[in-house]
All heavy atoms as atom14 arrays in JSON, in Angstrom:
{
  "sequence": "WYRQAPEKERELVAIITSGGSTHYADSVKGRFTVSRDNAENTVSLQMN",
  "atom14_mask": [
    [1, 1, 1, 1, 1, 1, 1, 1, 1, 1, 1, 1, 1, 1],
    [1, 1, 1, 1, 1, 1, 1, 1, 1, 1, 1, 1, 0, 0],
    [1, 1, 1, 1, 1, 1, 1, 1, 1, 1, 1, 0, 0, 0],
    [1, 1, 1, 1, 1, 1, 1, 1, 1, 0, 0, 0, 0, 0],
    [1, 1, 1, 1, 1, 0, 0, 0, 0, 0, 0, 0, 0, 0],
    [1, 1, 1, 1, 1, 1, 1, 0, 0, 0, 0, 0, 0, 0],
    [1, 1, 1, 1, 1, 1, 1, 1, 1, 0, 0, 0, 0, 0],
    [1, 1, 1, 1, 1, 1, 1, 1, 1, 0, 0, 0, 0, 0],
    [1, 1, 1, 1, 1, 1, 1, 1, 1, 0, 0, 0, 0, 0],
    [1, 1, 1, 1, 1, 1, 1, 1, 1, 1, 1, 0, 0, 0],
    [1, 1, 1, 1, 1, 1, 1, 1, 1, 0, 0, 0, 0, 0],
    [1, 1, 1, 1, 1, 1, 1, 1, 0, 0, 0, 0, 0, 0],
    [1, 1, 1, 1, 1, 1, 1, 0, 0, 0, 0, 0, 0, 0],
    [1, 1, 1, 1, 1, 0, 0, 0, 0, 0, 0, 0, 0, 0],
    [1, 1, 1, 1, 1, 1, 1, 1, 0, 0, 0, 0, 0, 0],
    [1, 1, 1, 1, 1, 1, 1, 1, 0, 0, 0, 0, 0, 0],
    [1, 1, 1, 1, 1, 1, 1, 0, 0, 0, 0, 0, 0, 0],
    [1, 1, 1, 1, 1, 1, 0, 0, 0, 0, 0, 0, 0, 0],
    [1, 1, 1, 1, 0, 0, 0, 0, 0, 0, 0, 0, 0, 0],
    [1, 1, 1, 1, 0, 0, 0, 0, 0, 0, 0, 0, 0, 0],
    [1, 1, 1, 1, 1, 1, 0, 0, 0, 0, 0, 0, 0, 0],
    [1, 1, 1, 1, 1, 1, 1, 0, 0, 0, 0, 0, 0, 0],
    [1, 1, 1, 1, 1, 1, 1, 1, 1, 1, 0, 0, 0, 0],
    [1, 1, 1, 1, 1, 1, 1, 1, 1, 1, 1, 1, 0, 0],
    [1, 1, 1, 1, 1, 0, 0, 0, 0, 0, 0, 0, 0, 0],
    [1, 1, 1, 1, 1, 1, 1, 1, 0, 0, 0, 0, 0, 0],
    [1, 1, 1, 1, 1, 1, 0, 0, 0, 0, 0, 0, 0, 0],
    [1, 1, 1, 1, 1, 1, 1, 0, 0, 0, 0, 0, 0, 0],
    [1, 1, 1, 1, 1, 1, 1, 1, 1, 0, 0, 0, 0, 0],
    [1, 1, 1, 1, 0, 0, 0, 0, 0, 0, 0, 0, 0, 0],
    [1, 1, 1, 1, 1, 1, 1, 1, 1, 1, 1, 0, 0, 0],
    [1, 1, 1, 1, 1, 1, 1, 1, 1, 1, 1, 0, 0, 0],
    [1, 1, 1, 1, 1, 1, 1, 0, 0, 0, 0, 0, 0, 0],
    [1, 1, 1, 1, 1, 1, 1, 0, 0, 0, 0, 0, 0, 0],
    [1, 1, 1, 1, 1, 1, 0, 0, 0, 0, 0, 0, 0, 0],
    [1, 1, 1, 1, 1, 1, 1, 1, 1, 1, 1, 0, 0, 0],
    [1, 1, 1, 1, 1, 1, 1, 1, 0, 0, 0, 0, 0, 0],
    [1, 1, 1, 1, 1, 1, 1, 1, 0, 0, 0, 0, 0, 0],
    [1, 1, 1, 1, 1, 0, 0, 0, 0, 0, 0, 0, 0, 0],
    [1, 1, 1, 1, 1, 1, 1, 1, 1, 0, 0, 0, 0, 0],
    [1, 1, 1, 1, 1, 1, 1, 1, 0, 0, 0, 0, 0, 0],
    [1, 1, 1, 1, 1, 1, 1, 0, 0, 0, 0, 0, 0, 0],
    [1, 1, 1, 1, 1, 1, 1, 0, 0, 0, 0, 0, 0, 0],
    [1, 1, 1, 1, 1, 1, 0, 0, 0, 0, 0, 0, 0, 0],
    [1, 1, 1, 1, 1, 1, 1, 1, 0, 0, 0, 0, 0, 0],
    [1, 1, 1, 1, 1, 1, 1, 1, 1, 0, 0, 0, 0, 0],
    [1, 1, 1, 1, 1, 1, 1, 1, 0, 0, 0, 0, 0, 0],
    [1, 1, 1, 1, 1, 1, 1, 1, 0, 0, 0, 0, 0, 0]
  ],
  "atom14_positions": [
    [[2.96, 1.21, 1.79], [2.57, 2.61, 1.76], [1.81, 2.97, 3.03], [0.94, 2.2, 3.49], [1.69, 2.89, 0.55], [2.41, 2.72, -0.74], [2.51, 1.6, -1.5], [3.17, 3.73, -1.41], [3.28, 1.83, -2.6], [3.7, 3.13, -2.58], [3.45, 5.08, -1.16], [4.49, 3.84, -3.5], [4.24, 5.77, -2.06], [4.75, 5.16, -3.21]],
    [[2.13, 4.13, 3.56], [1.44, 4.71, 4.7], [1.02, 6.11, 4.29], [1.52, 6.66, 3.3], [2.36, 4.77, 5.92], [2.62, 3.42, 6.55], [3.4, 2.47, 5.89], [2.12, 3.1, 7.8], [3.64, 1.23, 6.46], [2.36, 1.86, 8.39], [3.12, 0.94, 7.71], [3.35, -0.28, 8.28], [0.0, 0.0, 0.0], [0.0, 0.0, 0.0]],
    [[0.12, 6.69, 5.03], [-0.28, 8.07, 4.75], [-0.54, 8.81, 6.06], [-0.87, 8.21, 7.07], [-1.5, 8.11, 3.84], [-2.79, 7.58, 4.47], [-3.89, 7.54, 3.43], [-5.15, 7.05, 3.99], [-6.23, 6.78, 3.27], [-6.21, 6.95, 1.95], [-7.33, 6.35, 3.87], [0.0, 0.0, 0.0], [0.0, 0.0, 0.0], [0.0, 0.0, 0.0]],
    [[-0.41, 10.12, 5.96], [-0.66, 10.97, 7.12], [-1.4, 12.21, 6.66], [-0.86, 13.0, 5.88], [0.64, 11.34, 7.83], [0.42, 12.07, 9.13], [1.68, 12.14, 9.97], [2.79, 11.95, 9.49], [1.52, 12.42, 11.26], [0.0, 0.0, 0.0], [0.0, 0.0, 0.0], [0.0, 0.0, 0.0], [0.0, 0.0, 0.0], [0.0, 0.0, 0.0]],
    [[-2.61, 12.35, 7.15], [-3.41, 13.54, 6.87], [-3.12, 14.58, 7.95], [-2.64, 14.25, 9.04], [-4.89, 13.17, 6.86], [0.0, 0.0, 0.0], [0.0, 0.0, 0.0], [0.0, 0.0, 0.0], [0.0, 0.0, 0.0], [0.0, 0.0, 0.0], [0.0, 0.0, 0.0], [0.0, 0.0, 0.0], [0.0, 0.0, 0.0], [0.0, 0.0, 0.0]],
    [[-3.43, 15.84, 7.67], [-3.19, 16.9, 8.65], [-3.84, 16.59, 10.0], [-5.0, 16.18, 10.05], [-3.8, 18.14, 8.01], [-3.72, 17.87, 6.55], [-3.95, 16.38, 6.41], [0.0, 0.0, 0.0], [0.0, 0.0, 0.0], [0.0, 0.0, 0.0], [0.0, 0.0, 0.0], [0.0, 0.0, 0.0], [0.0, 0.0, 0.0], [0.0, 0.0, 0.0]],
    [[-3.07, 16.74, 11.05], [-3.54, 16.56, 12.43], [-3.98, 15.13, 12.72], [-4.73, 14.9, 13.67], [-4.66, 17.54, 12.75], [-4.23, 19.0, 12.6], [-5.33, 19.98, 12.97], [-6.44, 19.51, 13.31], [-5.08, 21.19, 12.93], [0.0, 0.0, 0.0], [0.0, 0.0, 0.0], [0.0, 0.0, 0.0], [0.0, 0.0, 0.0], [0.0, 0.0, 0.0]],
    [[-3.52, 14.19, 11.92], [-3.83, 12.79, 12.17], [-2.54, 11.98, 12.23], [-1.49, 12.42, 11.73], [-4.75, 12.21, 11.08], [-6.16, 12.78, 11.11], [-7.05, 12.01, 10.16], [-8.49, 12.52, 10.23], [-9.4, 11.76, 9.32], [0.0, 0.0, 0.0], [0.0, 0.0, 0.0], [0.0, 0.0, 0.0], [0.0, 0.0, 0.0], [0.0, 0.0, 0.0]],
    [[-2.61, 10.8, 12.83], [-1.45, 9.95, 12.9], [-1.22, 9.24, 11.56], [-2.15, 9.04, 10.77], [-1.62, 8.92, 14.02], [-1.67, 9.53, 15.41], [-1.64, 8.49, 16.5], [-1.71, 7.29, 16.19], [-1.54, 8.89, 17.68], [0.0, 0.0, 0.0], [0.0, 0.0, 0.0], [0.0, 0.0, 0.0], [0.0, 0.0, 0.0], [0.0, 0.0, 0.0]],
    [[0.02, 8.85, 11.35], [0.35, 8.09, 10.15], [-0.34, 6.73, 10.23], [-0.34, 6.07, 11.28], [1.86, 7.92, 10.02], [2.32, 7.39, 8.7], [3.83, 7.41, 8.58], [4.36, 8.77, 8.63], [5.62, 9.09, 8.39], [6.49, 8.14, 8.07], [6.02, 10.35, 8.47], [0.0, 0.0, 0.0], [0.0, 0.0, 0.0], [0.0, 0.0, 0.0]],
    [[-0.91, 6.29, 9.11], [-1.63, 5.04, 9.1], [-1.22, 4.17, 7.92], [-0.82, 4.69, 6.87], [-3.15, 5.29, 9.04], [-3.62, 5.98, 7.78], [-5.13, 6.12, 7.71], [-5.84, 5.72, 8.65], [-5.61, 6.64, 6.67], [0.0, 0.0, 0.0], [0.0, 0.0, 0.0], [0.0, 0.0, 0.0], [0.0, 0.0, 0.0], [0.0, 0.0, 0.0]],
    [[-1.37, 2.88, 8.12], [-1.07, 1.93, 7.05], [-2.1, 2.05, 5.93], [-3.3, 2.15, 6.2], [-1.08, 0.51, 7.61], [-1.05, -0.62, 6.59], [0.31, -0.7, 5.94], [-1.4, -1.95, 7.25], [0.0, 0.0, 0.0], [0.0, 0.0, 0.0], [0.0, 0.0, 0.0], [0.0, 0.0, 0.0], [0.0, 0.0, 0.0], [0.0, 0.0, 0.0]],
    [[-1.63, 2.03, 4.7], [-2.51, 1.98, 3.54], [-2.49, 0.57, 2.93], [-3.52, -0.08, 2.78], [-2.11, 3.02, 2.49], [-2.99, 2.88, 1.24], [-2.18, 4.43, 3.06], [0.0, 0.0, 0.0], [0.0, 0.0, 0.0], [0.0, 0.0, 0.0], [0.0, 0.0, 0.0], [0.0, 0.0, 0.0], [0.0, 0.0, 0.0], [0.0, 0.0, 0.0]],
    [[-1.29, 0.11, 2.59], [-1.16, -1.2, 1.96], [0.29, -1.68, 2.08], [1.21, -0.86, 2.02], [-1.55, -1.15, 0.49], [0.0, 0.0, 0.0], [0.0, 0.0, 0.0], [0.0, 0.0, 0.0], [0.0, 0.0, 0.0], [0.0, 0.0, 0.0], [0.0, 0.0, 0.0], [0.0, 0.0, 0.0], [0.0, 0.0, 0.0], [0.0, 0.0, 0.0]],
    [[0.45, -2.98, 2.26], [1.79, -3.55, 2.26], [1.81, -4.8, 1.38], [0.77, -5.4, 1.14], [2.28, -3.91, 3.68], [1.33, -4.89, 4.36], [2.5, -2.67, 4.52], [1.83, -5.41, 5.68], [0.0, 0.0, 0.0], [0.0, 0.0, 0.0], [0.0, 0.0, 0.0], [0.0, 0.0, 0.0], [0.0, 0.0, 0.0], [0.0, 0.0, 0.0]],
    [[3.0, -5.15, 0.92], [3.17, -6.35, 0.11], [4.46, -7.02, 0.54], [5.5, -6.36, 0.68], [3.15, -6.02, -1.4], [3.28, -7.29, -2.23], [4.2, -4.98, -1.77], [2.95, -7.07, -3.72], [0.0, 0.0, 0.0], [0.0, 0.0, 0.0], [0.0, 0.0, 0.0], [0.0, 0.0, 0.0], [0.0, 0.0, 0.0], [0.0, 0.0, 0.0]],
    [[4.39, -8.31, 0.77], [5.57, -9.05, 1.22], [6.45, -9.43, 0.02], [6.04, -9.27, -1.14], [5.16, -10.31, 1.97], [4.56, -11.24, 1.03], [4.17, -10.0, 3.07], [0.0, 0.0, 0.0], [0.0, 0.0, 0.0], [0.0, 0.0, 0.0], [0.0, 0.0, 0.0], [0.0, 0.0, 0.0], [0.0, 0.0, 0.0], [0.0, 0.0, 0.0]],
    [[7.61, -9.96, 0.33], [8.5, -10.37, -0.74], [7.89, -11.51, -1.56], [8.21, -11.68, -2.73], [9.84, -10.82, -0.17], [9.66, -11.87, 0.78], [0.0, 0.0, 0.0], [0.0, 0.0, 0.0], [0.0, 0.0, 0.0], [0.0, 0.0, 0.0], [0.0, 0.0, 0.0], [0.0, 0.0, 0.0], [0.0, 0.0, 0.0], [0.0, 0.0, 0.0]],
    [[6.97, -12.26, -0.94], [6.31, -13.34, -1.65], [5.06, -12.92, -2.4], [4.44, -13.73, -3.08], [0.0, 0.0, 0.0], [0.0, 0.0, 0.0], [0.0, 0.0, 0.0], [0.0, 0.0, 0.0], [0.0, 0.0, 0.0], [0.0, 0.0, 0.0], [0.0, 0.0, 0.0], [0.0, 0.0, 0.0], [0.0, 0.0, 0.0], [0.0, 0.0, 0.0]],
    [[4.69, -11.66, -2.24], [3.54, -11.14, -2.99], [2.24, -11.08, -2.21], [1.21, -10.67, -2.77], [0.0, 0.0, 0.0], [0.0, 0.0, 0.0], [0.0, 0.0, 0.0], [0.0, 0.0, 0.0], [0.0, 0.0, 0.0], [0.0, 0.0, 0.0], [0.0, 0.0, 0.0], [0.0, 0.0, 0.0], [0.0, 0.0, 0.0], [0.0, 0.0, 0.0]],
    [[2.25, -11.46, -0.95], [1.03, -11.35, -0.15], [0.77, -9.88, 0.15], [1.71, -9.11, 0.38], [1.18, -12.12, 1.15], [1.33, -13.5, 0.89], [0.0, 0.0, 0.0], [0.0, 0.0, 0.0], [0.0, 0.0, 0.0], [0.0, 0.0, 0.0], [0.0, 0.0, 0.0], [0.0, 0.0, 0.0], [0.0, 0.0, 0.0], [0.0, 0.0, 0.0]],
    [[-0.5, -9.52, 0.15], [-0.86, -8.11, 0.34], [-1.81, -7.94, 1.52], [-2.53, -8.86, 1.9], [-1.53, -7.54, -0.91], [-2.69, -8.32, -1.22], [-0.59, -7.55, -2.1], [0.0, 0.0, 0.0], [0.0, 0.0, 0.0], [0.0, 0.0, 0.0], [0.0, 0.0, 0.0], [0.0, 0.0, 0.0], [0.0, 0.0, 0.0], [0.0, 0.0, 0.0]],
    [[-1.78, -6.75, 2.06], [-2.7, -6.36, 3.14], [-3.09, -4.92, 2.92], [-2.23, -4.07, 2.64], [-2.04, -6.54, 4.5], [-2.88, -6.05, 5.63], [-3.97, -6.75, 6.1], [-2.82, -4.9, 6.35], [-4.53, -6.06, 7.08], [-3.85, -4.94, 7.26], [0.0, 0.0, 0.0], [0.0, 0.0, 0.0], [0.0, 0.0, 0.0], [0.0, 0.0, 0.0]],
    [[-4.39, -4.64, 3.05], [-4.89, -3.3, 2.82], [-5.66, -2.78, 4.03], [-6.33, -3.54, 4.74], [-5.83, -3.27, 1.62], [-5.19, -3.61, 0.31], [-5.16, -4.93, -0.16], [-4.6, -2.62, -0.48], [-4.58, -5.25, -1.36], [-4.02, -2.94, -1.7], [-4.01, -4.25, -2.13], [-3.43, -4.56, -3.34], [0.0, 0.0, 0.0], [0.0, 0.0, 0.0]],
    [[-5.63, -1.48, 4.22], [-6.53, -0.86, 5.18], [-7.95, -1.02, 4.67], [-8.2, -1.0, 3.46], [-6.19, 0.62, 5.33], [0.0, 0.0, 0.0], [0.0, 0.0, 0.0], [0.0, 0.0, 0.0], [0.0, 0.0, 0.0], [0.0, 0.0, 0.0], [0.0, 0.0, 0.0], [0.0, 0.0, 0.0], [0.0, 0.0, 0.0], [0.0, 0.0, 0.0]],
    [[-8.89, -1.19, 5.58], [-10.29, -1.38, 5.17], [-10.78, -0.23, 4.3], [-11.58, -0.43, 3.39], [-11.18, -1.51, 6.41], [-11.0, -2.84, 7.12], [-10.45, -3.78, 6.5], [-11.39, -2.94, 8.3], [0.0, 0.0, 0.0], [0.0, 0.0, 0.0], [0.0, 0.0, 0.0], [0.0, 0.0, 0.0], [0.0, 0.0, 0.0], [0.0, 0.0, 0.0]],
    [[-10.31, 0.96, 4.58], [-10.8, 2.15, 3.89], [-10.4, 2.19, 2.42], [-10.99, 2.96, 1.64], [-10.3, 3.41, 4.59], [-8.89, 3.44, 4.6], [0.0, 0.0, 0.0], [0.0, 0.0, 0.0], [0.0, 0.0, 0.0], [0.0, 0.0, 0.0], [0.0, 0.0, 0.0], [0.0, 0.0, 0.0], [0.0, 0.0, 0.0], [0.0, 0.0, 0.0]],
    [[-9.42, 1.39, 2.02], [-8.96, 1.44, 0.62], [-9.19, 0.13, -0.13], [-8.93, 0.06, -1.33], [-7.47, 1.83, 0.53], [-7.2, 3.12, 1.3], [-6.56, 0.71, 1.01], [0.0, 0.0, 0.0], [0.0, 0.0, 0.0], [0.0, 0.0, 0.0], [0.0, 0.0, 0.0], [0.0, 0.0, 0.0], [0.0, 0.0, 0.0], [0.0, 0.0, 0.0]],
    [[-9.68, -0.88, 0.55], [-9.92, -2.17, -0.1], [-10.86, -2.01, -1.28], [-11.88, -1.33, -1.19], [-10.51, -3.17, 0.9], [-9.49, -3.75, 1.86], [-10.15, -4.76, 2.8], [-9.14, -5.33, 3.78], [-9.78, -6.25, 4.75], [0.0, 0.0, 0.0], [0.0, 0.0, 0.0], [0.0, 0.0, 0.0], [0.0, 0.0, 0.0], [0.0, 0.0, 0.0]],
    [[-10.48, -2.64, -2.39], [-11.31, -2.56, -3.59], [-11.04, -1.34, -4.44], [-11.52, -1.26, -5.57], [0.0, 0.0, 0.0], [0.0, 0.0, 0.0], [0.0, 0.0, 0.0], [0.0, 0.0, 0.0], [0.0, 0.0, 0.0], [0.0, 0.0, 0.0], [0.0, 0.0, 0.0], [0.0, 0.0, 0.0], [0.0, 0.0, 0.0], [0.0, 0.0, 0.0]],
    [[-10.29, -0.38, -3.92], [-9.98, 0.84, -4.68], [-8.49, 0.97, -4.98], [-8.12, 1.5, -6.03], [-10.45, 2.08, -3.89], [-11.93, 2.1, -3.58], [-12.34, 3.44, -2.95], [-11.69, 3.7, -1.68], [-10.94, 4.78, -1.42], [-10.76, 5.69, -2.37], [-10.39, 4.95, -0.24], [0.0, 0.0, 0.0], [0.0, 0.0, 0.0], [0.0, 0.0, 0.0]],
    [[-7.66, 0.53, -4.05], [-6.21, 0.64, -4.21], [-5.6, -0.73, -4.47], [-6.07, -1.74, -3.93], [-5.58, 1.22, -2.95], [-5.9, 2.66, -2.66], [-6.87, 3.35, -3.36], [-5.19, 3.34, -1.67], [-7.15, 4.68, -3.09], [-5.46, 4.67, -1.37], [-6.45, 5.33, -2.09], [0.0, 0.0, 0.0], [0.0, 0.0, 0.0], [0.0, 0.0, 0.0]],
    [[-4.53, -0.75, -5.25], [-3.81, -1.99, -5.51], [-2.31, -1.74, -5.37], [-1.77, -0.83, -6.0], [-4.1, -2.51, -6.92], [-5.5, -2.71, -7.09], [-3.37, -3.83, -7.17], [0.0, 0.0, 0.0], [0.0, 0.0, 0.0], [0.0, 0.0, 0.0], [0.0, 0.0, 0.0], [0.0, 0.0, 0.0], [0.0, 0.0, 0.0], [0.0, 0.0, 0.0]],
    [[-1.67, -2.55, -4.53], [-0.22, -2.44, -4.34], [0.46, -3.55, -5.14], [-0.04, -4.68, -5.22], [0.14, -2.52, -2.84], [-0.25, -3.86, -2.23], [1.62, -2.21, -2.63], [0.0, 0.0, 0.0], [0.0, 0.0, 0.0], [0.0, 0.0, 0.0], [0.0, 0.0, 0.0], [0.0, 0.0, 0.0], [0.0, 0.0, 0.0], [0.0, 0.0, 0.0]],
    [[1.61, -3.22, -5.72], [2.37, -4.2, -6.48], [3.85, -3.87, -6.33], [4.22, -2.76, -5.95], [1.97, -4.19, -7.96], [2.18, -2.9, -8.53], [0.0, 0.0, 0.0], [0.0, 0.0, 0.0], [0.0, 0.0, 0.0], [0.0, 0.0, 0.0], [0.0, 0.0, 0.0], [0.0, 0.0, 0.0], [0.0, 0.0, 0.0], [0.0, 0.0, 0.0]],
    [[4.7, -4.84, -6.64], [6.14, -4.61, -6.51], [6.9, -5.36, -7.59], [6.4, -6.34, -8.15], [6.64, -5.03, -5.12], [6.54, -6.5, -4.82], [6.88, -6.8, -3.36], [8.33, -6.8, -3.1], [8.85, -6.93, -1.89], [8.06, -7.04, -0.84], [10.18, -6.95, -1.73], [0.0, 0.0, 0.0], [0.0, 0.0, 0.0], [0.0, 0.0, 0.0]],
    [[8.09, -4.88, -7.84], [9.0, -5.51, -8.76], [10.28, -5.81, -7.97], [11.05, -4.89, -7.69], [9.29, -4.59, -9.95], [10.17, -5.25, -11.0], [11.01, -6.11, -10.64], [10.04, -4.9, -12.18], [0.0, 0.0, 0.0], [0.0, 0.0, 0.0], [0.0, 0.0, 0.0], [0.0, 0.0, 0.0], [0.0, 0.0, 0.0], [0.0, 0.0, 0.0]],
    [[10.46, -7.04, -7.59], [11.61, -7.39, -6.75], [12.94, -7.18, -7.45], [13.93, -6.82, -6.81], [11.49, -8.84, -6.29], [10.35, -9.06, -5.31], [9.98, -8.16, -4.56], [9.77, -10.25, -5.32], [0.0, 0.0, 0.0], [0.0, 0.0, 0.0], [0.0, 0.0, 0.0], [0.0, 0.0, 0.0], [0.0, 0.0, 0.0], [0.0, 0.0, 0.0]],
    [[12.96, -7.36, -8.73], [14.21, -7.18, -9.48], [14.65, -5.72, -9.52], [15.84, -5.42, -9.59], [14.05, -7.72, -10.9], [0.0, 0.0, 0.0], [0.0, 0.0, 0.0], [0.0, 0.0, 0.0], [0.0, 0.0, 0.0], [0.0, 0.0, 0.0], [0.0, 0.0, 0.0], [0.0, 0.0, 0.0], [0.0, 0.0, 0.0], [0.0, 0.0, 0.0]],
    [[13.67, -4.82, -9.47], [13.96, -3.39, -9.57], [13.89, -2.68, -8.22], [14.17, -1.49, -8.15], [12.98, -2.72, -10.54], [13.06, -3.23, -11.97], [14.39, -2.86, -12.61], [14.96, -1.8, -12.27], [14.87, -3.66, -13.45], [0.0, 0.0, 0.0], [0.0, 0.0, 0.0], [0.0, 0.0, 0.0], [0.0, 0.0, 0.0], [0.0, 0.0, 0.0]],
    [[13.53, -3.41, -7.17], [13.37, -2.78, -5.84], [12.35, -1.66, -5.87], [12.58, -0.58, -5.3], [14.72, -2.24, -5.32], [15.55, -3.31, -4.65], [15.25, -4.5, -4.74], [16.63, -2.9, -3.99], [0.0, 0.0, 0.0], [0.0, 0.0, 0.0], [0.0, 0.0, 0.0], [0.0, 0.0, 0.0], [0.0, 0.0, 0.0], [0.0, 0.0, 0.0]],
    [[11.23, -1.89, -6.54], [10.21, -0.86, -6.62], [8.87, -1.39, -6.1], [8.6, -2.59, -6.16], [10.02, -0.36, -8.06], [9.65, -1.46, -8.88], [11.3, 0.27, -8.59], [0.0, 0.0, 0.0], [0.0, 0.0, 0.0], [0.0, 0.0, 0.0], [0.0, 0.0, 0.0], [0.0, 0.0, 0.0], [0.0, 0.0, 0.0], [0.0, 0.0, 0.0]],
    [[8.08, -0.46, -5.62], [6.71, -0.77, -5.2], [5.82, 0.35, -5.7], [6.22, 1.52, -5.73], [6.62, -0.93, -3.67], [7.03, 0.35, -2.95], [5.21, -1.36, -3.25], [0.0, 0.0, 0.0], [0.0, 0.0, 0.0], [0.0, 0.0, 0.0], [0.0, 0.0, 0.0], [0.0, 0.0, 0.0], [0.0, 0.0, 0.0], [0.0, 0.0, 0.0]],
    [[4.62, -0.02, -6.15], [3.68, 0.95, -6.69], [2.34, 0.85, -5.98], [2.01, -0.19, -5.4], [3.49, 0.71, -8.19], [4.7, 0.88, -8.88], [0.0, 0.0, 0.0], [0.0, 0.0, 0.0], [0.0, 0.0, 0.0], [0.0, 0.0, 0.0], [0.0, 0.0, 0.0], [0.0, 0.0, 0.0], [0.0, 0.0, 0.0], [0.0, 0.0, 0.0]],
    [[1.6, 1.93, -6.06], [0.25, 1.95, -5.48], [-0.69, 2.58, -6.5], [-0.58, 3.78, -6.79], [0.23, 2.76, -4.18], [-1.1, 2.76, -3.43], [-1.4, 1.35, -2.87], [-1.09, 3.79, -2.3], [0.0, 0.0, 0.0], [0.0, 0.0, 0.0], [0.0, 0.0, 0.0], [0.0, 0.0, 0.0], [0.0, 0.0, 0.0], [0.0, 0.0, 0.0]],
    [[-1.55, 1.78, -7.07], [-2.57, 2.28, -7.99], [-3.8, 2.65, -7.17], [-4.35, 1.81, -6.47], [-2.92, 1.21, -9.02], [-4.02, 1.62, -9.98], [-3.6, 2.76, -10.88], [-2.47, 2.82, -11.36], [-4.5, 3.72, -11.09], [0.0, 0.0, 0.0], [0.0, 0.0, 0.0], [0.0, 0.0, 0.0], [0.0, 0.0, 0.0], [0.0, 0.0, 0.0]],
    [[-4.19, 3.9, -7.27], [-5.31, 4.4, -6.48], [-6.44, 4.83, -7.41], [-6.26, 5.73, -8.23], [-4.86, 5.6, -5.63], [-3.66, 5.3, -4.74], [-3.22, 6.65, -3.65], [-2.67, 7.87, -4.83], [0.0, 0.0, 0.0], [0.0, 0.0, 0.0], [0.0, 0.0, 0.0], [0.0, 0.0, 0.0], [0.0, 0.0, 0.0], [0.0, 0.0, 0.0]],
    [[-7.55, 4.17, -7.29], [-8.74, 4.47, -8.11], [-9.88, 4.94, -7.22], [-9.85, 4.75, -6.0], [-9.17, 3.22, -8.88], [-8.1, 2.72, -9.84], [-7.34, 3.5, -10.4], [-8.05, 1.41, -10.03], [0.0, 0.0, 0.0], [0.0, 0.0, 0.0], [0.0, 0.0, 0.0], [0.0, 0.0, 0.0], [0.0, 0.0, 0.0], [0.0, 0.0, 0.0]]
  ]
}
């Protein structure tokens, strides 16, 4: 997931590899969780 706010560049929010490793932007660590379902080709982002 990436995001773009008005008048700002697109930035990384969170990524997840096919093996399940994750990486988060510092600004969302501890609040957002990325997950995926490889069988369904889906990825989700839970934002708290």
